[in-house]
Amino acid sequence: MRRLLAVVFGALIGGGLVFTAFEYHLVRTDETYHLVPKKQAGLTDAYVDIRDWPASQWNEHTTLAENMIAAGHGDLVGGSIASGLLNDIIAPFQQDASEATQRWWNSEQE
């Protein structure tokens, strides 16, 4: 009887987890986790870690972005895109500055 109860209990827990994965996104951010309801049931993006996502990554997960905005977490989507764009703009200048510093250092050593 104990084994039967364990099997039933395991099936209930497993079924609950599958239902949750079909109906919600579990989104990890820098500070916490969010359960975001899906507009359309499915297993896509059941768990997503959005820390340090560039804007191009959001383009690949448009339904996740739409669901997060609908759930009131649009600031996480916009903040990630803004920081990604800022990094894309600044990165070439940082690389140029690093190369210029290296050339200057090498010329001073000669």
PDB file of N, CA and C in Angstrom:
ATOM      1  N   MET A   1       0.815  -1.198   0.000  1.00  0.00           N
ATOM      2  CA  MET A   1       0.000   0.000   0.000  1.00  0.00           C
ATOM      3  C   MET A   1       0.864   1.270   0.000  1.00  0.00           C
ATOM      4  N   ARG A   2       1.999   1.199   0.728  1.00  0.00           N
ATOM      5  CA  ARG A   2       2.889   2.361   0.789  1.00  0.00           C
ATOM      6  C   ARG A   2       3.458   2.690  -0.593  1.00  0.00           C
ATOM      7  N   ARG A   3       3.812   1.672  -1.335  1.00  0.00           N
ATOM      8  CA  ARG A   3       4.378   1.888  -2.664  1.00  0.00           C
ATOM      9  C   ARG A   3       3.345   2.501  -3.603  1.00  0.00           C
ATOM     10  N   LEU A   4       2.127   2.051  -3.491  1.00  0.00           N
ATOM     11  CA  LEU A   4       1.069   2.610  -4.322  1.00  0.00           C
ATOM     12  C   LEU A   4       0.845   4.084  -4.002  1.00  0.00           C
ATOM     13  N   LEU A   5       0.853   4.433  -2.736  1.00  0.00           N
ATOM     14  CA  LEU A   5       0.715   5.838  -2.342  1.00  0.00           C
ATOM     15  C   LEU A   5       1.897   6.669  -2.835  1.00  0.00           C
ATOM     16  N   ALA A   6       3.098   6.103  -2.787  1.00  0.00           N
ATOM     17  CA  ALA A   6       4.277   6.816  -3.272  1.00  0.00           C
ATOM     18  C   ALA A   6       4.180   7.055  -4.776  1.00  0.00           C
ATOM     19  N   VAL A   7       3.704   6.068  -5.525  1.00  0.00           N
ATOM     20  CA  VAL A   7       3.549   6.223  -6.972  1.00  0.00           C
ATOM     21  C   VAL A   7       2.498   7.280  -7.286  1.00  0.00           C
ATOM     22  N   VAL A   8       1.379   7.247  -6.590  1.00  0.00           N
ATOM     23  CA  VAL A   8       0.312   8.231  -6.809  1.00  0.00           C
ATOM     24  C   VAL A   8       0.812   9.628  -6.452  1.00  0.00           C
ATOM     25  N   PHE A   9       1.506   9.739  -5.328  1.00  0.00           N
ATOM     26  CA  PHE A   9       2.047  11.032  -4.911  1.00  0.00           C
ATOM     27  C   PHE A   9       3.056  11.552  -5.936  1.00  0.00           C
ATOM     28  N   GLY A  10       3.933  10.685  -6.419  1.00  0.00           N
ATOM     29  CA  GLY A  10       4.909  11.079  -7.442  1.00  0.00           C
ATOM     30  C   GLY A  10       4.246  11.502  -8.736  1.00  0.00           C
ATOM     31  N   ALA A  11       3.176  10.792  -9.126  1.00  0.00           N
ATOM     32  CA  ALA A  11       2.449  11.150 -10.342  1.00  0.00           C
ATOM     33  C   ALA A  11       1.772  12.506 -10.180  1.00  0.00           C
ATOM     34  N   LEU A  12       1.235  12.789  -9.010  1.00  0.00           N
ATOM     35  CA  LEU A  12       0.600  14.095  -8.773  1.00  0.00           C
ATOM     36  C   LEU A  12       1.627  15.226  -8.815  1.00  0.00           C
ATOM     37  N   ILE A  13       2.767  15.004  -8.191  1.00  0.00           N
ATOM     38  CA  ILE A  13       3.824  16.031  -8.208  1.00  0.00           C
ATOM     39  C   ILE A  13       4.324  16.242  -9.641  1.00  0.00           C
ATOM     40  N   GLY A  14       4.599  15.157 -10.358  1.00  0.00           N
ATOM     41  CA  GLY A  14       5.069  15.262 -11.744  1.00  0.00           C
ATOM     42  C   GLY A  14       4.050  15.942 -12.640  1.00  0.00           C
ATOM     43  N   GLY A  15       2.787  15.586 -12.486  1.00  0.00           N
ATOM     44  CA  GLY A  15       1.734  16.223 -13.276  1.00  0.00           C
ATOM     45  C   GLY A  15       1.624  17.709 -12.979  1.00  0.00           C
ATOM     46  N   GLY A  16       1.772  18.074 -11.713  1.00  0.00           N
ATOM     47  CA  GLY A  16       1.742  19.491 -11.348  1.00  0.00           C
ATOM     48  C   GLY A  16       2.899  20.264 -11.948  1.00  0.00           C
ATOM     49  N   LEU A  17       4.080  19.651 -11.959  1.00  0.00           N
ATOM     50  CA  LEU A  17       5.245  20.314 -12.552  1.00  0.00           C
ATOM     51  C   LEU A  17       5.097  20.467 -14.062  1.00  0.00           C
ATOM     52  N   VAL A  18       4.567  19.448 -14.730  1.00  0.00           N
ATOM     53  CA  VAL A  18       4.356  19.544 -16.178  1.00  0.00           C
ATOM     54  C   VAL A  18       3.309  20.604 -16.494  1.00  0.00           C
ATOM     55  N   PHE A  19       2.222  20.639 -15.716  1.00  0.00           N
ATOM     56  CA  PHE A  19       1.201  21.664 -15.916  1.00  0.00           C
ATOM     57  C   PHE A  19       1.800  23.061 -15.747  1.00  0.00           C
ATOM     58  N   THR A  20       2.620  23.231 -14.702  1.00  0.00           N
ATOM     59  CA  THR A  20       3.250  24.529 -14.456  1.00  0.00           C
ATOM     60  C   THR A  20       4.176  24.907 -15.613  1.00  0.00           C
ATOM     61  N   ALA A  21       4.932  23.947 -16.123  1.00  0.00           N
ATOM     62  CA  ALA A  21       5.838  24.227 -17.241  1.00  0.00           C
ATOM     63  C   ALA A  21       5.066  24.611 -18.499  1.00  0.00           C
ATOM     64  N   PHE A  22       3.873  24.042 -18.699  1.00  0.00           N
ATOM     65  CA  PHE A  22       3.056  24.375 -19.864  1.00  0.00           C
ATOM     66  C   PHE A  22       2.424  25.760 -19.729  1.00  0.00           C
ATOM     67  N   GLU A  23       2.105  26.194 -18.529  1.00  0.00           N
ATOM     68  CA  GLU A  23       1.331  27.412 -18.313  1.00  0.00           C
ATOM     69  C   GLU A  23       2.146  28.632 -17.893  1.00  0.00           C
ATOM     70  N   TYR A  24       3.395  28.442 -17.440  1.00  0.00           N
ATOM     71  CA  TYR A  24       4.187  29.550 -16.906  1.00  0.00           C
ATOM     72  C   TYR A  24       5.626  29.493 -17.409  1.00  0.00           C
ATOM     73  N   HIS A  25       6.248  30.679 -17.502  1.00  0.00           N
ATOM     74  CA  HIS A  25       7.691  30.797 -17.699  1.00  0.00           C
ATOM     75  C   HIS A  25       8.286  30.984 -16.299  1.00  0.00           C
ATOM     76  N   LEU A  26       9.334  30.271 -15.975  1.00  0.00           N
ATOM     77  CA  LEU A  26      10.099  30.546 -14.768  1.00  0.00           C
ATOM     78  C   LEU A  26      11.307  31.349 -15.218  1.00  0.00           C
ATOM     79  N   VAL A  27      11.336  32.630 -14.856  1.00  0.00           N
ATOM     80  CA  VAL A  27      12.346  33.561 -15.360  1.00  0.00           C
ATOM     81  C   VAL A  27      13.276  33.945 -14.216  1.00  0.00           C
ATOM     82  N   ARG A  28      14.577  33.719 -14.427  1.00  0.00           N
ATOM     83  CA  ARG A  28      15.564  34.103 -13.429  1.00  0.00           C
ATOM     84  C   ARG A  28      16.160  35.449 -13.806  1.00  0.00           C
ATOM     85  N   THR A  29      16.157  36.367 -12.851  1.00  0.00           N
ATOM     86  CA  THR A  29      16.767  37.681 -13.044  1.00  0.00           C
ATOM     87  C   THR A  29      17.946  37.814 -12.080  1.00  0.00           C
ATOM     88  N   ASP A  30      18.564  38.983 -12.058  1.00  0.00           N
ATOM     89  CA  ASP A  30      19.688  39.197 -11.153  1.00  0.00           C
ATOM     90  C   ASP A  30      19.273  39.077  -9.690  1.00  0.00           C
ATOM     91  N   GLU A  31      18.060  39.539  -9.368  1.00  0.00           N
ATOM     92  CA  GLU A  31      17.633  39.584  -7.977  1.00  0.00           C
ATOM     93  C   GLU A  31      16.784  38.398  -7.543  1.00  0.00           C
ATOM     94  N   THR A  32      15.926  37.886  -8.426  1.00  0.00           N
ATOM     95  CA  THR A  32      14.934  36.907  -8.000  1.00  0.00           C
ATOM     96  C   THR A  32      14.449  36.063  -9.170  1.00  0.00           C
ATOM     97  N   TYR A  33      13.445  35.264  -8.908  1.00  0.00           N
ATOM     98  CA  TYR A  33      12.769  34.468  -9.933  1.00  0.00           C
ATOM     99  C   TYR A  33      11.357  35.018 -10.108  1.00  0.00           C
ATOM    100  N   HIS A  34      10.804  34.921 -11.331  1.00  0.00           N
ATOM    101  CA  HIS A  34       9.435  35.352 -11.613  1.00  0.00           C
ATOM    102  C   HIS A  34       8.695  34.223 -12.313  1.00  0.00           C
ATOM    103  N   LEU A  35       7.442  34.010 -11.920  1.00  0.00           N
ATOM    104  CA  LEU A  35       6.557  33.107 -12.643  1.00  0.00           C
ATOM    105  C   LEU A  35       5.694  33.969 -13.542  1.00  0.00           C
ATOM    106  N   VAL A  36       5.886  33.852 -14.835  1.00  0.00           N
ATOM    107  CA  VAL A  36       5.180  34.685 -15.811  1.00  0.00           C
ATOM    108  C   VAL A  36       4.194  33.801 -16.571  1.00  0.00           C
ATOM    109  N   PRO A  37       2.896  34.133 -16.524  1.00  0.00           N
ATOM    110  CA  PRO A  37       1.908  33.315 -17.248  1.00  0.00           C
ATOM    111  C   PRO A  37       2.119  33.393 -18.758  1.00  0.00           C
ATOM    112  N   LYS A  38       1.916  32.252 -19.421  1.00  0.00           N
ATOM    113  CA  LYS A  38       2.014  32.192 -20.877  1.00  0.00           C
ATOM    114  C   LYS A  38       0.647  32.475 -21.482  1.00  0.00           C
ATOM    115  N   LYS A  39       0.627  33.168 -22.611  1.00  0.00           N
ATOM    116  CA  LYS A  39      -0.631  33.395 -23.324  1.00  0.00           C
ATOM    117  C   LYS A  39      -1.081  32.142 -24.054  1.00  0.00           C
ATOM    118  N   GLN A  40      -0.109  31.336 -24.493  1.00  0.00           N
ATOM    119  CA  GLN A  40      -0.407  30.103 -25.204  1.00  0.00           C
ATOM    120  C   GLN A  40       0.394  28.985 -24.540  1.00  0.00           C
ATOM    121  N   ALA A  41      -0.288  27.912 -24.162  1.00  0.00           N
ATOM    122  CA  ALA A  41       0.366  26.806 -23.471  1.00  0.00           C
ATOM    123  C   ALA A  41       1.385  26.129 -24.370  1.00  0.00           C
ATOM    124  N   GLY A  42       2.481  25.715 -23.786  1.00  0.00           N
ATOM    125  CA  GLY A  42       3.540  25.014 -24.509  1.00  0.00           C
ATOM    126  C   GLY A  42       4.763  24.895 -23.625  1.00  0.00           C
ATOM    127  N   LEU A  43       5.717  24.093 -24.038  1.00  0.00           N
ATOM    128  CA  LEU A  43       6.919  23.890 -23.239  1.00  0.00           C
ATOM    129  C   LEU A  43       8.068  24.812 -23.631  1.00  0.00           C
ATOM    130  N   THR A  44       7.857  25.711 -24.582  1.00  0.00           N
ATOM    131  CA  THR A  44       8.929  26.625 -24.974  1.00  0.00           C
ATOM    132  C   THR A  44       9.202  27.618 -23.852  1.00  0.00           C
ATOM    133  N   ASP A  45      10.467  27.832 -23.590  1.00  0.00           N
ATOM    134  CA  ASP A  45      10.916  28.786 -22.577  1.00  0.00           C
ATOM    135  C   ASP A  45      10.296  28.512 -21.213  1.00  0.00           C
ATOM    136  N   ALA A  46      10.246  27.257 -20.792  1.00  0.00           N
ATOM    137  CA  ALA A  46       9.714  26.925 -19.471  1.00  0.00           C
ATOM    138  C   ALA A  46      10.605  27.519 -18.380  1.00  0.00           C
ATOM    139  N   TYR A  47      11.930  27.447 -18.543  1.00  0.00           N
ATOM    140  CA  TYR A  47      12.872  28.080 -17.633  1.00  0.00           C
ATOM    141  C   TYR A  47      13.813  28.934 -18.458  1.00  0.00           C
ATOM    142  N   VAL A  48      13.964  30.196 -18.064  1.00  0.00           N
ATOM    143  CA  VAL A  48      14.819  31.116 -18.816  1.00  0.00           C
ATOM    144  C   VAL A  48      15.634  31.938 -17.824  1.00  0.00           C
ATOM    145  N   ASP A  49      16.932  32.008 -18.053  1.00  0.00           N
ATOM    146  CA  ASP A  49      17.834  32.837 -17.254  1.00  0.00           C
ATOM    147  C   ASP A  49      18.163  34.074 -18.091  1.00  0.00           C
ATOM    148  N   ILE A  50      17.579  35.217 -17.746  1.00  0.00           N
ATOM    149  CA  ILE A  50      17.728  36.419 -18.575  1.00  0.00           C
ATOM    150  C   ILE A  50      18.843  37.338 -18.102  1.00  0.00           C
ATOM    151  N   ARG A  51      19.647  36.889 -17.164  1.00  0.00           N
ATOM    152  CA  ARG A  51      20.755  37.736 -16.723  1.00  0.00           C
ATOM    153  C   ARG A  51      21.726  37.918 -17.884  1.00  0.00           C
ATOM    154  N   ASP A  52      22.100  39.149 -18.155  1.00  0.00           N
ATOM    155  CA  ASP A  52      23.074  39.499 -19.202  1.00  0.00           C
ATOM    156  C   ASP A  52      22.628  39.094 -20.597  1.00  0.00           C
ATOM    157  N   TRP A  53      21.339  39.185 -20.876  1.00  0.00           N
ATOM    158  CA  TRP A  53      20.850  38.898 -22.231  1.00  0.00           C
ATOM    159  C   TRP A  53      21.052  40.115 -23.102  1.00  0.00           C
ATOM    160  N   PRO A  54      21.647  39.967 -24.273  1.00  0.00           N
ATOM    161  CA  PRO A  54      21.735  41.084 -25.224  1.00  0.00           C
ATOM    162  C   PRO A  54      20.400  41.249 -25.955  1.00  0.00           C
ATOM    163  N   ALA A  55      20.268  42.332 -26.694  1.00  0.00           N
ATOM    164  CA  ALA A  55      19.032  42.596 -27.440  1.00  0.00           C
ATOM    165  C   ALA A  55      18.758  41.507 -28.466  1.00  0.00           C
ATOM    166  N   SER A  56      19.797  40.947 -29.060  1.00  0.00           N
ATOM    167  CA  SER A  56      19.600  39.898 -30.065  1.00  0.00           C
ATOM    168  C   SER A  56      18.946  38.662 -29.464  1.00  0.00           C
ATOM    169  N   GLN A  57      19.216  38.381 -28.206  1.00  0.00           N
ATOM    170  CA  GLN A  57      18.601  37.225 -27.541  1.00  0.00           C
ATOM    171  C   GLN A  57      17.100  37.441 -27.368  1.00  0.00           C
ATOM    172  N   TRP A  58      16.691  38.678 -27.080  1.00  0.00           N
ATOM    173  CA  TRP A  58      15.258  38.970 -26.941  1.00  0.00           C
ATOM    174  C   TRP A  58      14.551  38.822 -28.276  1.00  0.00           C
ATOM    175  N   ASN A  59      15.246  39.099 -29.380  1.00  0.00           N
ATOM    176  CA  ASN A  59      14.642  38.921 -30.709  1.00  0.00           C
ATOM    177  C   ASN A  59      14.315  37.466 -30.979  1.00  0.00           C
ATOM    178  N   GLU A  60      15.061  36.549 -30.393  1.00  0.00           N
ATOM    179  CA  GLU A  60      14.812  35.125 -30.562  1.00  0.00           C
ATOM    180  C   GLU A  60      13.687  34.617 -29.659  1.00  0.00           C
ATOM    181  N   HIS A  61      13.324  35.384 -28.637  1.00  0.00           N
ATOM    182  CA  HIS A  61      12.303  34.969 -27.661  1.00  0.00           C
ATOM    183  C   HIS A  61      11.210  36.038 -27.559  1.00  0.00           C
ATOM    184  N   THR A  62      10.590  36.339 -28.677  1.00  0.00           N
ATOM    185  CA  THR A  62       9.589  37.413 -28.701  1.00  0.00           C
ATOM    186  C   THR A  62       8.356  37.075 -27.868  1.00  0.00           C
ATOM    187  N   THR A  63       7.928  35.819 -27.850  1.00  0.00           N
ATOM    188  CA  THR A  63       6.745  35.479 -27.048  1.00  0.00           C
ATOM    189  C   THR A  63       7.040  35.635 -25.565  1.00  0.00           C
ATOM    190  N   LEU A  64       8.241  35.306 -25.139  1.00  0.00           N
ATOM    191  CA  LEU A  64       8.625  35.519 -23.746  1.00  0.00           C
ATOM    192  C   LEU A  64       8.582  37.008 -23.409  1.00  0.00           C
ATOM    193  N   ALA A  65       9.124  37.831 -24.297  1.00  0.00           N
ATOM    194  CA  ALA A  65       9.115  39.278 -24.068  1.00  0.00           C
ATOM    195  C   ALA A  65       7.687  39.806 -23.989  1.00  0.00           C
ATOM    196  N   GLU A  66       6.819  39.355 -24.884  1.00  0.00           N
ATOM    197  CA  GLU A  66       5.412  39.791 -24.856  1.00  0.00           C
ATOM    198  C   GLU A  66       4.732  39.357 -23.566  1.00  0.00           C
ATOM    199  N   ASN A  67       4.972  38.131 -23.131  1.00  0.00           N
ATOM    200  CA  ASN A  67       4.355  37.637 -21.904  1.00  0.00           C
ATOM    201  C   ASN A  67       4.875  38.379 -20.681  1.00  0.00           C
ATOM    202  N   MET A  68       6.153  38.725 -20.675  1.00  0.00           N
ATOM    203  CA  MET A  68       6.701  39.470 -19.538  1.00  0.00           C
ATOM    204  C   MET A  68       6.130  40.879 -19.479  1.00  0.00           C
ATOM    205  N   ILE A  69       5.976  41.512 -20.637  1.00  0.00           N
ATOM    206  CA  ILE A  69       5.392  42.856 -20.667  1.00  0.00           C
ATOM    207  C   ILE A  69       3.945  42.804 -20.205  1.00  0.00           C
ATOM    208  N   ALA A  70       3.189  41.789 -20.662  1.00  0.00           N
ATOM    209  CA  ALA A  70       1.786  41.647 -20.259  1.00  0.00           C
ATOM    210  C   ALA A  70       1.654  41.385 -18.760  1.00  0.00           C
ATOM    211  N   ALA A  71       2.668  40.728 -18.166  1.00  0.00           N
ATOM    212  CA  ALA A  71       2.624  40.423 -16.739  1.00  0.00           C
ATOM    213  C   ALA A  71       3.160  41.568 -15.877  1.00  0.00           C
ATOM    214  N   GLY A  72       3.570  42.664 -16.513  1.00  0.00           N
ATOM    215  CA  GLY A  72       4.051  43.810 -15.752  1.00  0.00           C
ATOM    216  C   GLY A  72       5.549  43.805 -15.483  1.00  0.00           C
ATOM    217  N   HIS A  73       6.288  42.984 -16.198  1.00  0.00           N
ATOM    218  CA  HIS A  73       7.740  42.926 -16.030  1.00  0.00           C
ATOM    219  C   HIS A  73       8.454  43.492 -17.246  1.00  0.00           C
ATOM    220  N   GLY A  74       7.847  44.459 -17.892  1.00  0.00           N
ATOM    221  CA  GLY A  74       8.434  45.067 -19.084  1.00  0.00           C
ATOM    222  C   GLY A  74       9.736  45.781 -18.806  1.00  0.00           C
ATOM    223  N   ASP A  75       9.914  46.253 -17.570  1.00  0.00           N
ATOM    224  CA  ASP A  75      11.164  46.931 -17.231  1.00  0.00           C
ATOM    225  C   ASP A  75      12.356  45.988 -17.336  1.00  0.00           C
ATOM    226  N   LEU A  76      12.151  44.709 -17.067  1.00  0.00           N
ATOM    227  CA  LEU A  76      13.242  43.735 -17.201  1.00  0.00           C
ATOM    228  C   LEU A  76      13.619  43.535 -18.658  1.00  0.00           C
ATOM    229  N   VAL A  77      12.625  43.551 -19.540  1.00  0.00           N
ATOM    230  CA  VAL A  77      12.882  43.394 -20.971  1.00  0.00           C
ATOM    231  C   VAL A  77      13.571  44.640 -21.500  1.00  0.00           C
ATOM    232  N   GLY A  78      13.019  45.801 -21.219  1.00  0.00           N
ATOM    233  CA  GLY A  78      13.576  47.060 -21.705  1.00  0.00           C
ATOM    234  C   GLY A  78      14.948  47.351 -21.135  1.00  0.00           C
ATOM    235  N   GLY A  79      15.151  47.053 -19.860  1.00  0.00           N
ATOM    236  CA  GLY A  79      16.443  47.294 -19.238  1.00  0.00           C
ATOM    237  C   GLY A  79      17.534  46.444 -19.842  1.00  0.00           C
ATOM    238  N   SER A  80      17.208  45.210 -20.142  1.00  0.00           N
ATOM    239  CA  SER A  80      18.183  44.312 -20.754  1.00  0.00           C
ATOM    240  C   SER A  80      18.528  44.763 -22.162  1.00  0.00           C
ATOM    241  N   ILE A  81      17.519  45.180 -22.920  1.00  0.00           N
ATOM    242  CA  ILE A  81      17.764  45.655 -24.286  1.00  0.00           C
ATOM    243  C   ILE A  81      18.587  46.935 -24.264  1.00  0.00           C
ATOM    244  N   ALA A  82      18.251  47.852 -23.348  1.00  0.00           N
ATOM    245  CA  ALA A  82      18.982  49.117 -23.271  1.00  0.00           C
ATOM    246  C   ALA A  82      20.439  48.891 -22.895  1.00  0.00           C
ATOM    247  N   SER A  83      20.691  48.019 -21.908  1.00  0.00           N
ATOM    248  CA  SER A  83      22.081  47.779 -21.517  1.00  0.00           C
ATOM    249  C   SER A  83      22.840  47.066 -22.628  1.00  0.00           C
ATOM    250  N   GLY A  84      22.158  46.184 -23.364  1.00  0.00           N
ATOM    251  CA  GLY A  84      22.805  45.506 -24.490  1.00  0.00           C
ATOM    252  C   GLY A  84      23.178  46.471 -25.594  1.00  0.00           C
ATOM    253  N   LEU A  85      22.269  47.397 -25.894  1.00  0.00           N
ATOM    254  CA  LEU A  85      22.567  48.397 -26.925  1.00  0.00           C
ATOM    255  C   LEU A  85      23.701  49.313 -26.488  1.00  0.00           C
ATOM    256  N   LEU A  86      23.691  49.691 -25.220  1.00  0.00           N
ATOM    257  CA  LEU A  86      24.755  50.538 -24.698  1.00  0.00           C
ATOM    258  C   LEU A  86      26.105  49.821 -24.786  1.00  0.00           C
ATOM    259  N   ASN A  87      26.127  48.544 -24.443  1.00  0.00           N
ATOM    260  CA  ASN A  87      27.372  47.774 -24.559  1.00  0.00           C
ATOM    261  C   ASN A  87      27.822  47.658 -26.006  1.00  0.00           C
ATOM    262  N   ASP A  88      26.865  47.490 -26.935  1.00  0.00           N
ATOM    263  CA  ASP A  88      27.221  47.409 -28.354  1.00  0.00           C
ATOM    264  C   ASP A  88      27.828  48.716 -28.847  1.00  0.00           C
ATOM    265  N   ILE A  89      27.370  49.832 -28.318  1.00  0.00           N
ATOM    266  CA  ILE A  89      27.890  51.133 -28.728  1.00  0.00           C
ATOM    267  C   ILE A  89      29.262  51.389 -28.111  1.00  0.00           C
ATOM    268  N   ILE A  90      29.442  51.051 -26.863  1.00  0.00           N
ATOM    269  CA  ILE A  90      30.674  51.366 -26.139  1.00  0.00           C
ATOM    270  C   ILE A  90      31.815  50.401 -26.463  1.00  0.00           C
ATOM    271  N   ALA A  91      31.500  49.137 -26.751  1.00  0.00           N
ATOM    272  CA  ALA A  91      32.536  48.109 -26.932  1.00  0.00           C
ATOM    273  C   ALA A  91      33.607  48.483 -27.964  1.00  0.00           C
ATOM    274  N   PRO A  92      33.249  48.997 -29.154  1.00  0.00           N
ATOM    275  CA  PRO A  92      34.313  49.349 -30.113  1.00  0.00           C
ATOM    276  C   PRO A  92      35.247  50.441 -29.591  1.00  0.00           C
ATOM    277  N   PHE A  93      34.706  51.402 -28.852  1.00  0.00           N
ATOM    278  CA  PHE A  93      35.539  52.461 -28.310  1.00  0.00           C
ATOM    279  C   PHE A  93      36.485  51.929 -27.240  1.00  0.00           C
ATOM    280  N   GLN A  94      35.990  50.994 -26.425  1.00  0.00           N
ATOM    281  CA  GLN A  94      36.850  50.399 -25.408  1.00  0.00           C
ATOM    282  C   GLN A  94      37.982  49.616 -26.056  1.00  0.00           C
ATOM    283  N   GLN A  95      37.681  48.895 -27.125  1.00  0.00           N
ATOM    284  CA  GLN A  95      38.704  48.120 -27.809  1.00  0.00           C
ATOM    285  C   GLN A  95      39.739  49.049 -28.440  1.00  0.00           C
ATOM    286  N   ASP A  96      39.283  50.133 -29.082  1.00  0.00           N
ATOM    287  CA  ASP A  96      40.203  51.094 -29.684  1.00  0.00           C
ATOM    288  C   ASP A  96      41.083  51.735 -28.617  1.00  0.00           C
ATOM    289  N   ALA A  97      40.499  52.087 -27.489  1.00  0.00           N
ATOM    290  CA  ALA A  97      41.270  52.705 -26.405  1.00  0.00           C
ATOM    291  C   ALA A  97      42.298  51.724 -25.852  1.00  0.00           C
ATOM    292  N   SER A  98      41.914  50.462 -25.747  1.00  0.00           N
ATOM    293  CA  SER A  98      42.848  49.451 -25.248  1.00  0.00           C
ATOM    294  C   SER A  98      44.017  49.271 -26.210  1.00  0.00           C
ATOM    295  N   GLU A  99      43.722  49.232 -27.501  1.00  0.00           N
ATOM    296  CA  GLU A  99      44.793  49.090 -28.494  1.00  0.00           C
ATOM    297  C   GLU A  99      45.701  50.313 -28.497  1.00  0.00           C
ATOM    298  N   ALA A 100      45.122  51.503 -28.379  1.00  0.00           N
ATOM    299  CA  ALA A 100      45.930  52.726 -28.356  1.00  0.00           C
ATOM    300  C   ALA A 100      46.819  52.763 -27.123  1.00  0.00           C
ATOM    301  N   THR A 101      46.286  52.341 -26.003  1.00  0.00           N
ATOM    302  CA  THR A 101      47.079  52.297 -24.768  1.00  0.00           C
ATOM    303  C   THR A 101      48.225  51.310 -24.914  1.00  0.00           C
ATOM    304  N   GLN A 102      47.951  50.168 -25.515  1.00  0.00           N
ATOM    305  CA  GLN A 102      48.996  49.159 -25.719  1.00  0.00           C
ATOM    306  C   GLN A 102      50.082  49.685 -26.650  1.00  0.00           C
ATOM    307  N   ARG A 103      49.705  50.373 -27.732  1.00  0.00           N
ATOM    308  CA  ARG A 103      50.696  50.941 -28.649  1.00  0.00           C
ATOM    309  C   ARG A 103      51.534  52.000 -27.932  1.00  0.00           C
ATOM    310  N   TRP A 104      50.895  52.846 -27.125  1.00  0.00           N
ATOM    311  CA  TRP A 104      51.613  53.871 -26.386  1.00  0.00           C
ATOM    312  C   TRP A 104      52.585  53.231 -25.413  1.00  0.00           C
ATOM    313  N   TRP A 105      52.153  52.190 -24.731  1.00  0.00           N
ATOM    314  CA  TRP A 105      53.005  51.516 -23.741  1.00  0.00           C
ATOM    315  C   TRP A 105      54.220  50.888 -24.422  1.00  0.00           C
ATOM    316  N   ASN A 106      53.968  50.275 -25.570  1.00  0.00           N
ATOM    317  CA  ASN A 106      55.066  49.652 -26.302  1.00  0.00           C
ATOM    318  C   ASN A 106      56.064  50.700 -26.800  1.00  0.00           C
ATOM    319  N   SER A 107      55.575  51.859 -27.241  1.00  0.00           N
ATOM    320  CA  SER A 107      56.477  52.914 -27.721  1.00  0.00           C
ATOM    321  C   SER A 107      57.282  53.516 -26.574  1.00  0.00           C
ATOM    322  N   GLU A 108      56.729  53.560 -25.379  1.00  0.00           N
ATOM    323  CA  GLU A 108      57.442  54.091 -24.212  1.00  0.00           C
ATOM    324  C   GLU A 108      58.530  53.129 -23.768  1.00  0.00           C
ATOM    325  N   GLN A 109      58.313  51.849 -23.965  1.00  0.00           N
ATOM    326  CA  GLN A 109      59.284  50.849 -23.526  1.00  0.00           C
ATOM    327  C   GLN A 109      60.501  50.784 -24.452  1.00  0.00           C
ATOM    328  N   GLU A 110      60.368  51.262 -25.695  1.00  0.00           N
ATOM    329  CA  GLU A 110      61.473  51.186 -26.658  1.00  0.00           C
ATOM    330  C   GLU A 110      62.481  52.235 -26.465  1.00  0.00           C
TER     331      GLU A 110
END
